[in-house]
């Protein structure tokens, strides 16, 4: 296939693009490289890769590179609640406006696979798993914009949306602001953390499994299209306290304590069912424990916090 990926040099794209090239696809990446990292250098040898430095809001640029593609993966995003809160106009233009522009310009038969977020579930009901039929109640601007973009994409048809759990793991475009990545970094270098509202739960997924979900969706598009799918690890619906306990198994010196005062500005608290995508044949490959071990090794290389979307 001929595939266009906006934001293809980001945290997910830097893992996904090499996998797509290995599958034999032609891949065009449009990215503004806003974080001054150097992902995809290891892919530049491939004649199947085209890299375009540009902005996903540039209509003429996108129109030019959309003409001959079979599938569009709009990954470009101001990712995360803090970043969107700091630049709400930019967030809306990139997350919602650029996606709507792509939908308006795409040709008949061009597929769209879009990563939204299961943070759209907001605050769930205790002990009840959120399924794709659970009402969406996002609590942040980021969540609200992603939910609106998902709605537009599904209403437009010939599309799949992936409601991603909180991603973790090493990527060539590294992020330290993601919860697991952040907590492991603190365990390795600070050796302690103070938890606010440690009972809040969410679901997790390795970035390589996120990439795998995109490839599975491409390979089974007709059977899966026009539906949303939760993408997470079914055995990783964990509270922040439980996550720290898992990290301590790999970093024994890690100390954590729950504060009796203060609150987490991120109010998400829910557990998620991933049965739907599993029944569609997708199998997660990387357990949380393996991802923690990977991060501990990765942080022998990275010793700065410049890799956060904050």
Protein backbone atom coordinates (compact mmCIF):
# COMPACT_ATOMS: atom_id res chain seq x y z
CA UNK A 1 0.00 0.00 0.00
CA UNK A 2 0.92 3.65 -0.34
CA UNK A 3 0.47 5.24 3.09
CA UNK A 4 0.56 8.87 4.26
CA UNK A 5 1.31 9.50 7.94
CA UNK A 6 1.06 12.97 9.41
CA UNK A 7 3.13 13.29 12.57
CA UNK A 8 4.95 10.17 11.45
CA UNK A 9 8.16 11.11 13.29
CA UNK A 10 6.42 11.23 16.67
CA UNK A 11 6.47 8.77 19.57
CA UNK A 12 4.20 6.25 17.80
CA UNK A 13 5.24 7.03 14.23
CA UNK A 14 8.94 6.49 14.92
CA UNK A 15 8.08 2.89 15.85
CA UNK A 16 5.34 2.36 13.27
CA UNK A 17 7.13 3.64 10.16
CA UNK A 18 9.97 1.06 10.24
CA UNK A 19 7.41 -1.70 10.75
CA UNK A 20 5.37 -0.53 7.76
CA UNK A 21 8.50 -0.36 5.60
CA UNK A 22 9.42 -3.89 6.65
CA UNK A 23 5.93 -4.97 5.54
CA UNK A 24 6.72 -3.60 2.07
CA UNK A 25 4.56 -0.46 2.12
CA UNK A 26 5.43 2.87 0.54
CA UNK A 27 5.35 5.46 3.35
CA UNK A 28 5.22 9.27 3.18
CA UNK A 29 5.78 11.07 6.48
CA UNK A 30 4.74 14.70 7.00
CA UNK A 31 6.13 16.10 10.26
CA UNK A 32 7.38 19.44 11.56
CA UNK A 33 9.95 17.81 13.93
CA UNK A 34 8.90 20.25 16.65
CA UNK A 35 10.78 18.46 19.42
CA UNK A 36 14.20 18.66 17.73
CA UNK A 37 14.83 14.94 18.03
CA UNK A 38 16.12 12.74 15.20
CA UNK A 39 13.70 9.84 14.70
CA UNK A 40 13.56 7.92 11.39
CA UNK A 41 17.26 8.44 10.62
CA UNK A 42 17.60 4.67 10.65
CA UNK A 43 14.92 4.46 7.93
CA UNK A 44 16.37 6.97 5.48
CA UNK A 45 18.17 4.22 3.56
CA UNK A 46 14.80 2.84 2.41
CA UNK A 47 13.71 3.87 -1.10
CA UNK A 48 10.12 3.26 0.06
CA UNK A 49 10.25 6.18 2.52
CA UNK A 50 9.54 9.84 1.70
CA UNK A 51 9.99 12.46 4.43
CA UNK A 52 8.39 15.89 4.11
CA UNK A 53 9.16 18.58 6.68
CA UNK A 54 5.90 20.45 6.95
CA UNK A 55 2.76 21.20 8.92
CA UNK A 56 -0.36 19.05 8.89
CA UNK A 57 -2.43 22.27 8.72
CA UNK A 58 -0.88 23.18 5.34
CA UNK A 59 -3.73 22.38 2.94
CA UNK A 60 -1.71 22.64 -0.27
CA UNK A 61 1.03 20.40 1.13
CA UNK A 62 -1.41 17.74 2.32
CA UNK A 63 -3.41 17.84 -0.90
CA UNK A 64 -0.25 17.24 -2.90
CA UNK A 65 0.79 14.19 -0.92
CA UNK A 66 -2.70 12.70 -0.48
CA UNK A 67 -3.35 12.26 -4.19
CA UNK A 68 -2.02 8.74 -4.69
CA UNK A 69 -2.22 7.17 -1.25
CA UNK A 70 -4.38 4.22 -0.26
CA UNK A 71 -4.50 4.99 3.45
CA UNK A 72 -4.02 8.04 5.68
CA UNK A 73 -2.90 7.78 9.31
CA UNK A 74 -3.35 11.21 10.96
CA UNK A 75 -0.95 10.95 13.91
CA UNK A 76 -0.05 14.65 14.08
CA UNK A 77 -1.21 15.97 17.42
CA UNK A 78 -0.48 18.21 20.37
CA UNK A 79 -0.51 15.19 22.64
CA UNK A 80 -1.54 15.27 26.26
CA UNK A 81 -3.70 17.42 28.52
CA UNK A 82 -0.95 19.83 29.71
CA UNK A 83 0.23 20.73 26.21
CA UNK A 84 -3.31 21.26 24.91
CA UNK A 85 -4.23 23.39 27.92
CA UNK A 86 -1.23 25.62 27.22
CA UNK A 87 -2.08 26.11 23.54
CA UNK A 88 -5.82 25.49 23.11
CA UNK A 89 -6.07 27.19 19.71
CA UNK A 90 -3.16 25.21 18.30
CA UNK A 91 -4.58 22.02 19.80
CA UNK A 92 -7.95 22.54 18.14
CA UNK A 93 -6.38 23.40 14.78
CA UNK A 94 -4.13 20.34 14.76
CA UNK A 95 -6.30 17.72 16.45
CA UNK A 96 -9.66 18.65 14.97
CA UNK A 97 -9.19 21.16 12.17
CA UNK A 98 -6.46 19.27 10.31
CA UNK A 99 -8.38 16.00 10.59
CA UNK A 100 -11.53 17.60 9.19
CA UNK A 101 -9.45 19.04 6.32
CA UNK A 102 -8.11 15.57 5.51
CA UNK A 103 -11.63 14.13 5.52
CA UNK A 104 -12.82 16.89 3.20
CA UNK A 105 -9.96 16.36 0.73
CA UNK A 106 -9.64 12.59 0.65
CA UNK A 107 -10.72 10.65 -2.38
CA UNK A 108 -13.18 7.80 -2.63
CA UNK A 109 -11.69 4.61 -1.25
CA UNK A 110 -8.91 6.26 0.76
CA UNK A 111 -8.94 4.66 4.21
CA UNK A 112 -8.32 6.54 7.45
CA UNK A 113 -7.02 4.92 10.64
CA UNK A 114 -6.92 7.34 13.55
CA UNK A 115 -5.46 7.10 17.05
CA UNK A 116 -7.78 8.59 19.59
CA UNK A 117 -7.50 8.01 23.33
CA UNK A 118 -9.39 5.97 25.88
CA UNK A 119 -9.04 9.00 28.17
CA UNK A 120 -12.33 9.96 26.51
CA UNK A 121 -13.99 7.71 29.08
CA UNK A 122 -13.04 10.27 31.74
CA UNK A 123 -14.26 9.01 35.10
CA UNK A 124 -15.63 5.50 34.90
CA UNK A 125 -17.84 3.49 37.24
CA UNK A 126 -15.95 1.54 39.88
CA UNK A 127 -15.40 -2.08 38.89
CA UNK A 128 -17.10 -1.73 35.50
CA UNK A 129 -14.97 -2.00 32.35
CA UNK A 130 -15.41 0.67 29.70
CA UNK A 131 -16.32 -0.83 26.33
CA UNK A 132 -16.68 0.89 22.99
CA UNK A 133 -20.38 1.41 23.86
CA UNK A 134 -19.62 3.23 27.12
CA UNK A 135 -20.56 6.93 26.97
CA UNK A 136 -17.59 9.21 26.39
CA UNK A 137 -17.07 11.81 29.13
CA UNK A 138 -13.65 13.42 28.57
CA UNK A 139 -12.38 15.66 31.34
CA UNK A 140 -9.61 17.57 29.51
CA UNK A 141 -9.50 19.70 26.36
CA UNK A 142 -7.20 17.06 24.84
CA UNK A 143 -9.78 14.34 25.49
CA UNK A 144 -12.65 16.47 24.19
CA UNK A 145 -10.85 17.32 20.94
CA UNK A 146 -9.86 13.70 20.32
CA UNK A 147 -13.44 12.56 20.91
CA UNK A 148 -14.72 15.21 18.46
CA UNK A 149 -12.14 14.13 15.85
CA UNK A 150 -13.11 10.48 16.30
CA UNK A 151 -16.77 11.35 15.84
CA UNK A 152 -16.01 13.21 12.59
CA UNK A 153 -13.90 10.32 11.27
CA UNK A 154 -16.43 7.60 12.04
CA UNK A 155 -19.27 9.67 10.59
CA UNK A 156 -17.25 10.14 7.39
CA UNK A 157 -16.95 6.37 6.93
CA UNK A 158 -14.24 4.12 5.49
CA UNK A 159 -12.30 4.53 8.71
CA UNK A 160 -11.17 2.88 11.93
CA UNK A 161 -10.43 4.62 15.23
CA UNK A 162 -8.14 3.16 17.87
CA UNK A 163 -8.86 4.31 21.43
CA UNK A 164 -5.36 3.93 22.81
CA UNK A 165 -4.57 3.21 26.42
CA UNK A 166 -1.72 5.19 28.00
CA UNK A 167 1.31 4.17 25.96
CA UNK A 168 4.70 3.23 27.41
CA UNK A 169 8.08 2.00 26.24
CA UNK A 170 11.16 3.18 24.38
CA UNK A 171 10.75 4.93 21.03
CA UNK A 172 13.32 6.67 18.80
CA UNK A 173 11.22 9.81 19.49
CA UNK A 174 11.21 9.37 23.23
CA UNK A 175 8.67 10.83 25.66
CA UNK A 176 9.16 11.03 29.41
CA UNK A 177 5.82 12.64 30.21
CA UNK A 178 3.81 9.43 29.74
CA UNK A 179 2.86 7.93 33.10
CA UNK A 180 4.79 4.63 33.01
CA UNK A 181 7.79 6.23 31.32
CA UNK A 182 7.75 9.05 33.89
CA UNK A 183 7.42 6.77 36.92
CA UNK A 184 10.21 4.45 35.76
CA UNK A 185 12.47 7.46 35.11
CA UNK A 186 11.81 8.69 38.65
CA UNK A 187 12.46 5.22 40.04
CA UNK A 188 15.80 4.98 38.23
CA UNK A 189 17.10 8.48 39.01
CA UNK A 190 15.17 9.91 41.97
CA UNK A 191 14.45 6.59 43.71
CA UNK A 192 11.18 7.98 45.12
CA UNK A 193 7.82 9.47 44.17
CA UNK A 194 4.91 11.05 46.04
CA UNK A 195 1.56 9.89 44.66
CA UNK A 196 -1.58 11.99 44.53
CA UNK A 197 -4.88 10.08 44.41
CA UNK A 198 -2.97 6.84 44.05
CA UNK A 199 -6.15 4.78 43.64
CA UNK A 200 -6.98 6.33 40.24
CA UNK A 201 -6.83 3.61 37.57
CA UNK A 202 -6.18 3.55 33.87
CA UNK A 203 -5.13 1.10 31.15
CA UNK A 204 -1.69 0.77 29.51
CA UNK A 205 -0.22 -0.44 26.20
CA UNK A 206 3.32 -0.70 24.80
CA UNK A 207 4.14 1.59 21.89
CA UNK A 208 5.14 -1.42 19.75
CA UNK A 209 1.72 -2.91 20.35
CA UNK A 210 0.16 0.41 19.33
CA UNK A 211 2.08 0.16 16.06
CA UNK A 212 0.98 -3.46 15.77
CA UNK A 213 -2.66 -2.40 16.14
CA UNK A 214 -2.29 -0.03 13.18
CA UNK A 215 -0.79 -2.76 11.03
CA UNK A 216 -3.50 -5.22 12.09
CA UNK A 217 -6.14 -2.63 11.19
CA UNK A 218 -4.58 -2.09 7.76
CA UNK A 219 -4.43 -5.83 7.11
CA UNK A 220 -8.04 -6.41 8.25
CA UNK A 221 -9.54 -3.10 7.23
CA UNK A 222 -12.69 -4.32 5.49
CA UNK A 223 -13.67 -6.54 8.41
CA UNK A 224 -12.99 -3.85 11.03
CA UNK A 225 -13.95 -0.59 9.30
CA UNK A 226 -16.31 2.07 10.60
CA UNK A 227 -15.84 1.03 14.22
CA UNK A 228 -13.86 2.23 17.26
CA UNK A 229 -11.58 -0.19 19.12
CA UNK A 230 -10.04 0.01 22.57
CA UNK A 231 -6.34 -0.86 22.40
CA UNK A 232 -4.69 -1.76 25.69
CA UNK A 233 -3.29 -4.61 27.76
CA UNK A 234 -6.15 -6.54 29.31
CA UNK A 235 -4.07 -7.37 32.39
CA UNK A 236 -2.88 -3.80 32.88
CA UNK A 237 -5.85 -1.92 34.31
CA UNK A 238 -3.80 -0.58 37.21
CA UNK A 239 -3.93 2.17 39.78
CA UNK A 240 -0.91 4.42 40.18
CA UNK A 241 -0.09 2.59 43.40
CA UNK A 242 -0.25 -0.80 41.64
CA UNK A 243 1.94 0.54 38.85
CA UNK A 244 4.57 1.61 41.37
CA UNK A 245 4.47 -1.84 42.94
CA UNK A 246 5.17 -3.36 39.52
CA UNK A 247 8.09 -0.96 38.94
CA UNK A 248 9.57 -1.80 42.36
CA UNK A 249 9.93 -5.44 41.23
CA UNK A 250 12.53 -4.20 38.74
CA UNK A 251 13.97 -1.27 40.74
CA UNK A 252 14.04 -2.56 44.36
CA UNK A 253 15.36 0.76 45.71
CA UNK A 254 12.22 2.57 44.51
CA UNK A 255 10.26 4.18 47.36
CA UNK A 256 6.77 5.59 46.95
CA UNK A 257 4.25 7.08 49.32
CA UNK A 258 0.72 8.44 48.96
CA UNK A 259 0.13 12.04 50.00
CA UNK A 260 -2.87 12.70 52.21
CA UNK A 261 -3.30 16.17 50.74
CA UNK A 262 -3.26 17.52 47.21
CA UNK A 263 -4.93 16.22 44.11
CA UNK A 264 -4.04 15.00 40.64
CA UNK A 265 -5.01 17.56 37.98
CA UNK A 266 -5.62 14.62 35.60
CA UNK A 267 -8.96 13.27 36.87
CA UNK A 268 -9.10 10.18 34.66
CA UNK A 269 -10.12 7.08 36.58
CA UNK A 270 -11.44 4.05 34.69
CA UNK A 271 -10.77 0.45 33.66
CA UNK A 272 -11.09 -0.69 30.05
CA UNK A 273 -12.12 -3.81 28.14
CA UNK A 274 -10.06 -4.65 25.05
CA UNK A 275 -12.19 -7.65 24.07
CA UNK A 276 -13.42 -6.14 20.81
CA UNK A 277 -10.04 -5.77 19.11
CA UNK A 278 -8.86 -9.08 20.56
CA UNK A 279 -11.89 -10.79 19.00
CA UNK A 280 -10.90 -9.09 15.73
CA UNK A 281 -7.68 -11.11 15.91
CA UNK A 282 -5.25 -8.61 17.42
CA UNK A 283 -2.80 -10.00 19.97
CA UNK A 284 -0.73 -7.78 22.24
CA UNK A 285 2.93 -8.82 22.38
CA UNK A 286 4.65 -6.75 25.08
CA UNK A 287 3.64 -7.15 28.75
CA UNK A 288 4.05 -4.30 31.22
CA UNK A 289 6.95 -6.05 32.97
CA UNK A 290 8.95 -6.27 29.74
CA UNK A 291 8.29 -2.60 29.03
CA UNK A 292 9.53 -1.61 32.49
CA UNK A 293 12.73 -3.61 31.98
CA UNK A 294 13.19 -1.96 28.59
CA UNK A 295 12.77 1.51 30.09
CA UNK A 296 15.26 0.80 32.89
CA UNK A 297 17.85 -0.05 30.22
CA UNK A 298 16.85 2.92 28.06
CA UNK A 299 17.40 5.31 30.96
CA UNK A 300 21.03 4.31 31.08
CA UNK A 301 21.18 6.16 27.74
CA UNK A 302 18.76 9.01 28.48
CA UNK A 303 19.50 11.14 31.52
CA UNK A 304 17.66 14.35 30.73
CA UNK A 305 14.00 15.32 30.86
CA UNK A 306 13.99 17.14 27.51
CA UNK A 307 11.86 14.40 25.99
CA UNK A 308 8.56 15.39 27.60
CA UNK A 309 5.54 16.93 25.84
CA UNK A 310 5.22 19.69 28.43
